[in-house]
Amino acid sequence: MKKVILLFFALLISVAGFSQGILTLFARSDEFMKAMEQEKFTEAHGFFDVSVQTKISPENLQTIWGTLTTNYGKYIGMDVVQSKSEGEYFTVSVNAEFEKDTQGFLLVFNKSDKLVGLFPRQLNKVAAYVRPAYVDTAAYKEKEIYVKTPGHSLVGLLTTPAKGSNFPIVVLLHGSGPSDMDETVGPNKPLKDLAGGLASKGIASIRYVKRTLAYAGDFNKVFTVKEEVMDDALAAIALAKTIPGVDKSKIFVFGHSMGGMLAPKLALQAPEIKGIVLAAAPARKLTDIIEEQNRYSVEQAKDTTGNLQKQLEEVLKQTAKTRITTFGNVKPDSSLLGLPAAYWVDLNQYDQVATAKKLSKQKIFVVQGAFDFQVSTQDFDLWKAALGKKSNVTLKLYPDLNHLFIPQKEKGNMSQYGIPGSVSELLVNDLVNWIKAK
């Protein structure tokens, strides 16, 4: 159960377990499948650990691939469905898409990032994304763009109104961890919902693949939120200024979760932006959020044996180590909950609430769902206490929305994310009205 608790916050709150390990294996899995597609079977064989190479030959891989392409047609690509730690090993579940059908595989890696197992896997029937009713695809157009910084180029989408000019534009920022441009979680795509909803009402947006997903190898060394979020967000803001038809005086940033946590810092570094949205943004330290999530997870389990409580206490001992604000005897590259000490020191020295209070000319909109089990209303209350009396700040609590701002009937747990839903139309309309207000 301890692993389940740790995986809970690693998947949903921090980049732990992804940027330092699992995320690298996503790339390894993709590279292996590409080697097979290109019929480089000797190269594909090299992905396996030495202990396994004697049991499977390049010729065996050729036979396997030949059977797959004969039955299913040309290989198109793969999607990662799930990843998890299994004792000494890491497993990555993928869906390999071919022309005629999709085949599931389970790839098993050891701690050296070498394959020790490759197994067929029954496909999970995942619900499909459902476009929100409020999105009018005829009202906007989309164009592929690239958010560029030295050594990096992140693919994204520019969504603009089909008609008119001098329109506002919003840069959409993901939460922490690896993410595609839509911030996909199961069948849900909150940033895609927002882009379509805003564009249907005459507001453009930029969204892009997060660096932790596109450049996993960068995060096997010392890094901070500068590399994870800030550099690319500033580049996206700069890009927004160059878009034809955009009113350069009306550039906004919508920050979700950690993106919202860092939005005040962005506003200071890019004073030209008109306003920021703090959507489910932590007002506390990341460690506080992780600990609250773990406590909530144990509470939800309703364990009567006391075992989970004991395990939680052990987890909290580990999270306490992340509260460092200086290095002391700890090296910057020391791993704390799968993240370098430099990351924790940098983040713990940042006070997002105090930073937001310094902003007087830029608009701030704080939005929070009361059914959010990742970032709670405690954070909203802290934002409200600090910013509630400022004339440039608007705050709104939505009683039935979760962390993805999808309507729910209860606070619930991660199972909600497997059910298709759409970002609240009420929230979208509130954003539109706030952005367009003078």
Protein backbone atom coordinates (compact mmCIF):
# COMPACT_ATOMS: atom_id res chain seq x y z
CA MET A 1 0.00 0.00 0.00
CA LYS A 2 2.95 2.29 0.63
CA LYS A 3 3.78 2.14 -3.08
CA VAL A 4 0.20 3.00 -3.96
CA ILE A 5 0.30 6.06 -1.73
CA LEU A 6 3.60 7.24 -3.15
CA LEU A 7 2.49 6.61 -6.71
CA PHE A 8 -0.69 8.57 -6.02
CA PHE A 9 1.10 11.84 -5.50
CA ALA A 10 3.86 11.06 -7.98
CA LEU A 11 1.37 10.68 -10.78
CA LEU A 12 -0.84 13.60 -9.95
CA ILE A 13 1.15 16.24 -8.15
CA SER A 14 4.89 16.05 -8.70
CA VAL A 15 7.22 14.87 -11.42
CA ALA A 16 8.67 12.31 -9.02
CA GLY A 17 8.84 8.89 -10.56
CA PHE A 18 8.52 10.32 -14.07
CA SER A 19 11.28 12.77 -14.80
CA GLN A 20 13.79 10.76 -12.82
CA GLY A 21 12.84 7.28 -14.00
CA ILE A 22 9.52 6.25 -15.42
CA LEU A 23 9.36 9.04 -17.97
CA THR A 24 12.72 7.93 -19.37
CA LEU A 25 11.22 4.50 -19.87
CA PHE A 26 8.40 5.99 -21.95
CA ALA A 27 11.04 7.20 -24.39
CA ARG A 28 12.86 3.86 -24.22
CA SER A 29 9.63 2.04 -25.01
CA ASP A 30 8.98 4.29 -27.99
CA GLU A 31 12.55 3.88 -29.26
CA PHE A 32 12.27 0.10 -29.01
CA MET A 33 9.03 0.04 -30.99
CA LYS A 34 10.54 2.33 -33.64
CA ALA A 35 13.56 0.03 -33.98
CA MET A 36 11.16 -2.87 -34.54
CA GLU A 37 9.17 -0.85 -37.09
CA GLN A 38 12.36 0.00 -38.99
CA GLU A 39 13.28 -3.72 -38.91
CA LYS A 40 16.48 -2.95 -37.00
CA PHE A 41 16.15 -6.15 -35.02
CA THR A 42 19.76 -6.28 -33.87
CA GLU A 43 19.37 -2.76 -32.49
CA ALA A 44 16.06 -3.73 -30.85
CA HIS A 45 17.81 -6.77 -29.35
CA GLY A 46 20.26 -4.38 -27.69
CA PHE A 47 17.44 -2.92 -25.60
CA PHE A 48 17.30 -6.18 -23.63
CA ASP A 49 19.39 -6.94 -20.56
CA VAL A 50 22.32 -9.32 -21.13
CA SER A 51 20.58 -11.96 -19.01
CA VAL A 52 17.67 -11.95 -21.46
CA GLN A 53 19.59 -11.61 -24.72
CA THR A 54 20.57 -15.28 -24.59
CA LYS A 55 16.90 -16.27 -24.45
CA ILE A 56 15.64 -14.12 -27.33
CA SER A 57 17.48 -13.48 -30.58
CA PRO A 58 17.15 -10.78 -33.26
CA GLU A 59 15.61 -13.49 -35.42
CA ASN A 60 12.95 -14.11 -32.79
CA LEU A 61 12.11 -10.39 -32.79
CA GLN A 62 11.90 -10.44 -36.57
CA THR A 63 9.43 -13.34 -36.43
CA ILE A 64 7.32 -11.58 -33.80
CA TRP A 65 7.20 -8.36 -35.81
CA GLY A 66 6.46 -10.17 -39.05
CA THR A 67 3.48 -11.88 -37.44
CA LEU A 68 2.18 -8.57 -36.07
CA THR A 69 2.43 -6.68 -39.36
CA THR A 70 0.92 -9.61 -41.28
CA ASN A 71 -2.09 -9.66 -38.97
CA TYR A 72 -2.47 -5.97 -38.22
CA GLY A 73 -0.78 -4.08 -41.06
CA LYS A 74 1.71 -1.20 -40.94
CA TYR A 75 2.77 0.11 -37.52
CA ILE A 76 1.51 3.66 -36.83
CA GLY A 77 2.59 4.50 -33.29
CA MET A 78 2.12 3.78 -29.60
CA ASP A 79 0.47 5.32 -26.57
CA VAL A 80 1.51 4.75 -22.97
CA VAL A 81 -1.48 3.54 -20.98
CA GLN A 82 0.03 2.96 -17.55
CA SER A 83 3.34 2.67 -15.74
CA LYS A 84 4.18 1.47 -12.26
CA SER A 85 6.89 0.14 -10.01
CA GLU A 86 6.84 -3.60 -9.35
CA GLY A 87 9.49 -4.36 -6.72
CA GLU A 88 12.85 -4.25 -8.52
CA TYR A 89 11.24 -3.60 -11.89
CA PHE A 90 9.24 -0.95 -13.74
CA THR A 91 6.41 -1.91 -16.07
CA VAL A 92 5.15 0.19 -18.95
CA SER A 93 1.83 -0.73 -20.56
CA VAL A 94 1.47 0.49 -24.14
CA ASN A 95 -1.08 0.29 -26.91
CA ALA A 96 0.65 -0.25 -30.26
CA GLU A 97 -1.52 1.04 -33.09
CA PHE A 98 -1.37 -0.67 -36.47
CA GLU A 99 -3.36 0.02 -39.65
CA LYS A 100 -5.94 -2.68 -38.98
CA ASP A 101 -6.02 -2.97 -35.20
CA THR A 102 -4.31 -2.11 -31.92
CA GLN A 103 -2.25 -4.57 -29.84
CA GLY A 104 -1.37 -4.08 -26.20
CA PHE A 105 2.11 -4.82 -24.81
CA LEU A 106 3.67 -4.87 -21.36
CA LEU A 107 7.34 -3.85 -21.32
CA VAL A 108 9.29 -4.71 -18.16
CA PHE A 109 12.49 -2.78 -17.36
CA ASN A 110 15.11 -3.27 -14.67
CA LYS A 111 16.87 -0.49 -12.77
CA SER A 112 19.42 -0.18 -15.57
CA ASP A 113 16.63 0.78 -18.00
CA LYS A 114 17.10 -2.52 -19.82
CA LEU A 115 14.22 -4.68 -21.02
CA VAL A 116 13.79 -7.93 -19.14
CA GLY A 117 10.33 -8.78 -20.43
CA LEU A 118 8.03 -8.15 -23.38
CA PHE A 119 4.52 -9.57 -23.18
CA PRO A 120 1.27 -9.21 -25.12
CA ARG A 121 -1.39 -7.46 -23.03
CA GLN A 122 -5.14 -7.40 -23.31
CA LEU A 123 -6.34 -3.98 -24.32
CA ASN A 124 -8.12 -1.84 -21.79
CA LYS A 125 -11.25 -0.38 -23.30
CA VAL A 126 -10.70 3.26 -22.48
CA ALA A 127 -13.55 5.70 -22.90
CA ALA A 128 -13.06 8.23 -25.68
CA TYR A 129 -12.75 11.98 -25.36
CA VAL A 130 -16.06 13.83 -25.78
CA ARG A 131 -16.01 17.34 -27.22
CA PRO A 132 -17.95 19.78 -24.99
CA ALA A 133 -21.32 20.96 -26.31
CA TYR A 134 -20.20 24.58 -25.88
CA VAL A 135 -17.34 24.17 -28.37
CA ASP A 136 -18.20 25.40 -31.87
CA THR A 137 -15.51 24.04 -34.20
CA ALA A 138 -16.70 26.32 -37.01
CA ALA A 139 -15.90 29.36 -34.89
CA TYR A 140 -12.14 28.85 -34.77
CA LYS A 141 -9.11 27.45 -36.55
CA GLU A 142 -5.98 25.72 -35.27
CA LYS A 143 -2.39 25.84 -36.44
CA GLU A 144 0.67 23.92 -35.35
CA ILE A 145 3.24 26.10 -33.61
CA TYR A 146 6.52 25.57 -31.77
CA VAL A 147 7.53 27.05 -28.44
CA LYS A 148 11.29 27.42 -28.72
CA THR A 149 14.07 27.96 -26.20
CA PRO A 150 17.80 27.22 -26.67
CA GLY A 151 18.11 23.50 -27.37
CA HIS A 152 14.37 22.84 -27.17
CA SER A 153 11.39 23.00 -29.51
CA LEU A 154 7.98 22.07 -28.11
CA VAL A 155 5.15 21.37 -30.52
CA GLY A 156 1.86 23.06 -29.73
CA LEU A 157 -1.38 24.39 -31.13
CA LEU A 158 -2.44 27.96 -31.74
CA THR A 159 -6.23 28.23 -31.57
CA THR A 160 -7.65 31.47 -32.97
CA PRO A 161 -11.14 32.80 -33.74
CA ALA A 162 -12.10 32.18 -37.37
CA LYS A 163 -13.22 35.79 -37.77
CA GLY A 164 -12.27 39.17 -36.39
CA SER A 165 -9.04 40.69 -35.11
CA ASN A 166 -7.62 42.36 -32.01
CA PHE A 167 -8.60 39.33 -29.96
CA PRO A 168 -7.18 38.41 -26.54
CA ILE A 169 -4.89 35.40 -26.24
CA VAL A 170 -4.32 33.02 -23.34
CA VAL A 171 -1.23 30.90 -22.71
CA LEU A 172 -2.40 27.63 -21.12
CA LEU A 173 -0.04 26.11 -18.54
CA HIS A 174 -0.20 22.51 -17.33
CA GLY A 175 0.15 21.21 -13.82
CA SER A 176 3.35 19.44 -12.75
CA GLY A 177 4.62 16.22 -14.24
CA PRO A 178 4.85 15.22 -17.89
CA SER A 179 1.88 16.31 -19.97
CA ASP A 180 0.76 16.59 -23.55
CA MET A 181 -0.61 19.87 -24.88
CA ASP A 182 -4.19 18.92 -23.88
CA GLU A 183 -3.21 17.91 -20.32
CA THR A 184 -4.80 14.54 -21.08
CA VAL A 185 -5.96 12.49 -18.09
CA GLY A 186 -7.76 9.32 -19.19
CA PRO A 187 -10.45 10.39 -21.68
CA ASN A 188 -10.39 13.96 -20.37
CA LYS A 189 -8.53 16.87 -21.99
CA PRO A 190 -9.08 20.00 -19.90
CA LEU A 191 -6.76 22.32 -21.83
CA LYS A 192 -8.31 21.23 -25.12
CA ASP A 193 -11.76 21.98 -23.67
CA LEU A 194 -10.60 25.42 -22.60
CA ALA A 195 -8.97 26.21 -25.94
CA GLY A 196 -12.13 25.27 -27.84
CA GLY A 197 -14.45 27.00 -25.39
CA LEU A 198 -12.47 30.24 -25.35
CA ALA A 199 -12.03 30.31 -29.14
CA SER A 200 -15.77 29.77 -29.62
CA LYS A 201 -16.21 33.07 -27.76
CA GLY A 202 -13.52 35.01 -29.64
CA ILE A 203 -10.44 34.35 -27.48
CA ALA A 204 -7.25 32.76 -28.83
CA SER A 205 -4.92 30.44 -26.95
CA ILE A 206 -1.57 28.70 -27.10
CA ARG A 207 -0.99 25.26 -25.63
CA TYR A 208 2.04 23.02 -26.03
CA VAL A 209 3.63 19.75 -25.01
CA LYS A 210 5.42 20.07 -21.70
CA ARG A 211 9.20 19.78 -21.67
CA THR A 212 9.16 16.97 -19.10
CA LEU A 213 7.38 14.83 -21.68
CA ALA A 214 9.22 15.93 -24.82
CA TYR A 215 12.74 16.05 -23.34
CA ALA A 216 12.71 13.42 -20.61
CA GLY A 217 16.48 13.06 -20.67
CA ASP A 218 16.92 16.65 -19.48
CA PHE A 219 15.44 15.71 -16.15
CA ASN A 220 17.92 13.01 -15.18
CA LYS A 221 20.14 15.74 -13.73
CA VAL A 222 19.79 18.80 -11.52
CA PHE A 223 16.84 20.99 -12.50
CA THR A 224 14.29 23.39 -11.03
CA VAL A 225 10.95 24.83 -12.10
CA LYS A 226 12.90 27.18 -14.34
CA GLU A 227 13.63 24.29 -16.69
CA GLU A 228 10.38 22.46 -15.97
CA VAL A 229 7.99 25.39 -16.51
CA MET A 230 9.28 28.95 -16.50
CA ASP A 231 11.56 29.11 -19.55
CA ASP A 232 8.96 27.60 -21.89
CA ALA A 233 6.09 29.65 -20.45
CA LEU A 234 8.04 32.87 -21.02
CA ALA A 235 8.81 31.73 -24.57
CA ALA A 236 5.11 31.03 -25.15
CA ILE A 237 4.24 34.53 -23.90
CA ALA A 238 6.81 36.00 -26.29
CA LEU A 239 5.33 33.92 -29.11
CA ALA A 240 1.83 35.18 -28.30
CA LYS A 241 2.97 38.74 -29.06
CA THR A 242 3.85 37.76 -32.63
CA ILE A 243 0.52 36.18 -33.57
CA PRO A 244 -1.34 38.13 -36.29
CA GLY A 245 -4.66 39.49 -35.06
CA VAL A 246 -3.74 39.37 -31.37
CA ASP A 247 -4.28 42.43 -29.20
CA LYS A 248 -0.82 42.61 -27.57
CA SER A 249 -2.28 44.48 -24.61
CA LYS A 250 -4.50 41.51 -23.80
CA ILE A 251 -2.18 38.55 -23.20
CA PHE A 252 -3.23 36.30 -20.32
CA VAL A 253 -1.84 33.21 -18.59
CA PHE A 254 -4.09 30.40 -17.37
CA GLY A 255 -2.10 28.32 -14.89
CA HIS A 256 -3.50 25.01 -13.73
CA SER A 257 -2.28 23.46 -10.45
CA MET A 258 1.49 24.04 -10.36
CA GLY A 259 1.10 26.23 -13.44
CA GLY A 260 -1.13 28.45 -11.30
CA MET A 261 1.31 28.27 -8.42
CA LEU A 262 4.02 29.70 -10.68
CA ALA A 263 1.80 32.20 -12.51
CA PRO A 264 2.53 35.08 -10.08
CA LYS A 265 6.25 34.55 -10.69
CA LEU A 266 5.62 34.66 -14.43
CA ALA A 267 3.63 37.87 -14.05
CA LEU A 268 6.60 39.54 -12.36
CA GLN A 269 8.99 38.39 -15.07
CA ALA A 270 6.58 39.29 -17.89
CA PRO A 271 4.90 42.50 -16.68
CA GLU A 272 3.42 43.05 -20.15
CA ILE A 273 0.79 40.36 -19.63
CA LYS A 274 -2.68 41.62 -18.77
CA GLY A 275 -3.63 39.03 -16.17
CA ILE A 276 -3.23 35.55 -14.70
CA VAL A 277 -5.66 32.81 -13.76
CA LEU A 278 -4.76 30.73 -10.69
CA ALA A 279 -6.76 27.55 -11.33
CA ALA A 280 -6.61 25.03 -8.48
CA ALA A 281 -3.31 26.67 -7.56
CA PRO A 282 -1.57 25.61 -4.34
CA ALA A 283 -1.13 28.45 -1.90
CA ARG A 284 0.96 26.20 0.34
CA LYS A 285 4.24 24.38 -0.22
CA LEU A 286 4.29 21.38 -2.54
CA THR A 287 5.22 19.18 0.42
CA ASP A 288 2.02 20.24 2.22
CA ILE A 289 -0.03 19.25 -0.82
CA ILE A 290 1.69 15.86 -1.11
CA GLU A 291 1.14 15.12 2.57
CA GLU A 292 -2.51 16.16 2.41
CA GLN A 293 -3.06 13.91 -0.59
CA ASN A 294 -1.52 10.94 1.17
CA ARG A 295 -3.62 11.51 4.28
CA TYR A 296 -6.73 11.75 2.12
CA SER A 297 -5.77 8.52 0.35
CA VAL A 298 -5.49 6.68 3.66
CA GLU A 299 -8.76 8.19 4.86
CA GLN A 300 -10.51 7.04 1.69
CA ALA A 301 -9.21 3.49 2.14
CA LYS A 302 -11.04 3.20 5.50
CA ASP A 303 -8.49 0.71 6.82
CA THR A 304 -9.45 -0.66 10.25
CA THR A 305 -6.19 -2.55 10.87
CA GLY A 306 -4.05 0.52 11.45
CA ASN A 307 -1.48 -0.72 8.94
CA LEU A 308 -2.06 2.10 6.51
CA GLN A 309 -1.64 4.67 9.24
CA LYS A 310 1.73 3.19 10.11
CA GLN A 311 2.75 3.24 6.48
CA LEU A 312 1.55 6.83 6.19
CA GLU A 313 3.79 7.80 9.09
CA GLU A 314 6.76 6.35 7.20
CA VAL A 315 5.77 8.25 4.08
CA LEU A 316 5.54 11.50 6.05
CA LYS A 317 9.07 10.96 7.33
CA GLN A 318 10.23 10.93 3.73
CA THR A 319 8.20 13.96 2.69
CA ALA A 320 9.55 15.94 5.65
CA LYS A 321 12.99 15.76 4.06
CA THR A 322 11.75 17.88 1.16
CA ARG A 323 11.14 20.98 3.29
CA ILE A 324 14.71 22.19 2.83
CA THR A 325 15.33 25.85 1.93
CA THR A 326 19.14 25.60 1.86
CA PHE A 327 21.46 22.79 0.84
CA GLY A 328 23.50 22.45 4.02
CA ASN A 329 25.15 19.04 3.75
CA VAL A 330 22.79 17.94 0.98
CA LYS A 331 24.13 17.97 -2.58
CA PRO A 332 22.02 19.73 -5.25
CA ASP A 333 21.65 16.46 -7.18
CA SER A 334 20.60 14.42 -4.15
CA SER A 335 17.26 12.73 -4.79
CA LEU A 336 14.38 13.60 -2.46
CA LEU A 337 11.15 11.86 -3.41
CA GLY A 338 12.63 11.36 -6.87
CA LEU A 339 13.40 15.06 -7.40
CA PRO A 340 16.79 16.76 -6.99
CA ALA A 341 17.40 18.73 -3.81
CA ALA A 342 17.94 21.79 -6.00
CA TYR A 343 14.32 21.55 -7.12
CA TRP A 344 13.02 21.56 -3.53
CA VAL A 345 15.29 24.38 -2.37
CA ASP A 346 14.25 26.56 -5.30
CA LEU A 347 10.53 25.85 -4.86
CA ASN A 348 10.59 26.23 -1.06
CA GLN A 349 12.25 29.63 -1.34
CA TYR A 350 9.37 30.81 -3.52
CA ASP A 351 6.30 32.34 -1.84
CA GLN A 352 3.53 32.44 -4.42
CA VAL A 353 1.06 34.24 -2.16
CA ALA A 354 3.50 37.03 -1.27
CA THR A 355 4.45 37.31 -4.94
CA ALA A 356 0.80 37.63 -6.00
CA LYS A 357 0.26 40.37 -3.40
CA LYS A 358 2.96 42.44 -5.13
CA LEU A 359 0.98 42.48 -8.36
CA SER A 360 -1.13 45.63 -8.60
CA LYS A 361 -1.48 46.39 -12.32
CA GLN A 362 -2.25 42.87 -13.58
CA LYS A 363 -5.61 41.20 -13.11
CA ILE A 364 -5.81 38.00 -11.07
CA PHE A 365 -8.62 35.44 -11.19
CA VAL A 366 -8.49 32.66 -8.56
CA VAL A 367 -10.75 29.69 -9.34
CA GLN A 368 -11.14 26.50 -7.32
CA GLY A 369 -13.36 23.42 -7.30
CA ALA A 370 -14.75 22.37 -3.93
CA PHE A 371 -14.62 18.69 -4.98
CA ASP A 372 -10.90 18.90 -5.77
CA PHE A 373 -9.09 16.10 -3.89
CA GLN A 374 -5.64 17.18 -5.13
CA VAL A 375 -5.58 20.86 -4.15
CA SER A 376 -8.15 21.56 -1.47
CA THR A 377 -10.30 24.53 -0.54
CA GLN A 378 -7.77 25.24 2.20
CA ASP A 379 -5.59 26.73 -0.50
CA PHE A 380 -8.48 28.78 -1.89
CA ASP A 381 -9.13 30.15 1.60
CA LEU A 382 -5.48 31.19 1.88
CA TRP A 383 -5.65 32.99 -1.48
CA LYS A 384 -8.87 34.67 -0.40
CA ALA A 385 -7.44 35.83 2.93
CA ALA A 386 -4.37 37.29 1.21
CA LEU A 387 -5.90 38.75 -1.95
CA GLY A 388 -9.62 39.10 -1.28
CA LYS A 389 -9.51 42.86 -0.65
CA LYS A 390 -7.36 43.75 -3.66
CA SER A 391 -9.25 45.57 -6.42
CA ASN A 392 -7.43 43.68 -9.19
CA VAL A 393 -8.40 40.25 -7.83
CA THR A 394 -11.49 38.12 -8.47
CA LEU A 395 -12.05 34.84 -6.62
CA LYS A 396 -14.63 32.12 -7.22
CA LEU A 397 -15.24 28.74 -5.62
CA TYR A 398 -17.24 26.24 -7.71
CA PRO A 399 -19.07 23.85 -5.37
CA ASP A 400 -19.27 20.85 -7.73
CA LEU A 401 -15.99 20.87 -9.67
CA ASN A 402 -12.94 18.63 -9.26
CA HIS A 403 -9.27 19.29 -9.99
CA LEU A 404 -9.89 19.12 -13.75
CA PHE A 405 -12.83 21.54 -13.31
CA ILE A 406 -15.25 18.85 -14.41
CA PRO A 407 -18.62 18.73 -12.56
CA GLN A 408 -18.96 15.89 -10.01
CA LYS A 409 -21.47 14.66 -7.45
CA GLU A 410 -18.88 14.13 -4.70
CA LYS A 411 -15.24 14.77 -3.86
CA GLY A 412 -14.28 11.20 -4.76
CA ASN A 413 -10.91 9.90 -5.92
CA MET A 414 -8.82 9.12 -9.01
CA SER A 415 -11.53 6.91 -10.50
CA GLN A 416 -13.27 10.14 -11.60
CA TYR A 417 -10.51 10.71 -14.12
CA GLY A 418 -11.44 7.56 -16.02
CA ILE A 419 -14.91 8.89 -16.80
CA PRO A 420 -15.32 11.27 -19.76
CA GLY A 421 -16.31 14.78 -18.78
CA SER A 422 -15.85 18.37 -19.86
CA VAL A 423 -14.55 21.48 -18.18
CA SER A 424 -17.53 23.34 -16.73
CA GLU A 425 -19.27 25.66 -19.19
CA LEU A 426 -19.92 28.02 -16.30
CA LEU A 427 -16.19 28.28 -15.66
CA VAL A 428 -15.49 28.86 -19.36
CA ASN A 429 -18.09 31.63 -19.50
CA ASP A 430 -16.69 33.20 -16.33
CA LEU A 431 -13.20 33.18 -17.87
CA VAL A 432 -14.51 34.77 -21.07
CA ASN A 433 -16.29 37.53 -19.17
CA TRP A 434 -13.25 38.18 -16.95
CA ILE A 435 -10.86 38.32 -19.91
CA LYS A 436 -13.10 40.66 -21.91
CA ALA A 437 -13.91 42.94 -18.98
CA LYS A 438 -12.04 46.25 -18.89
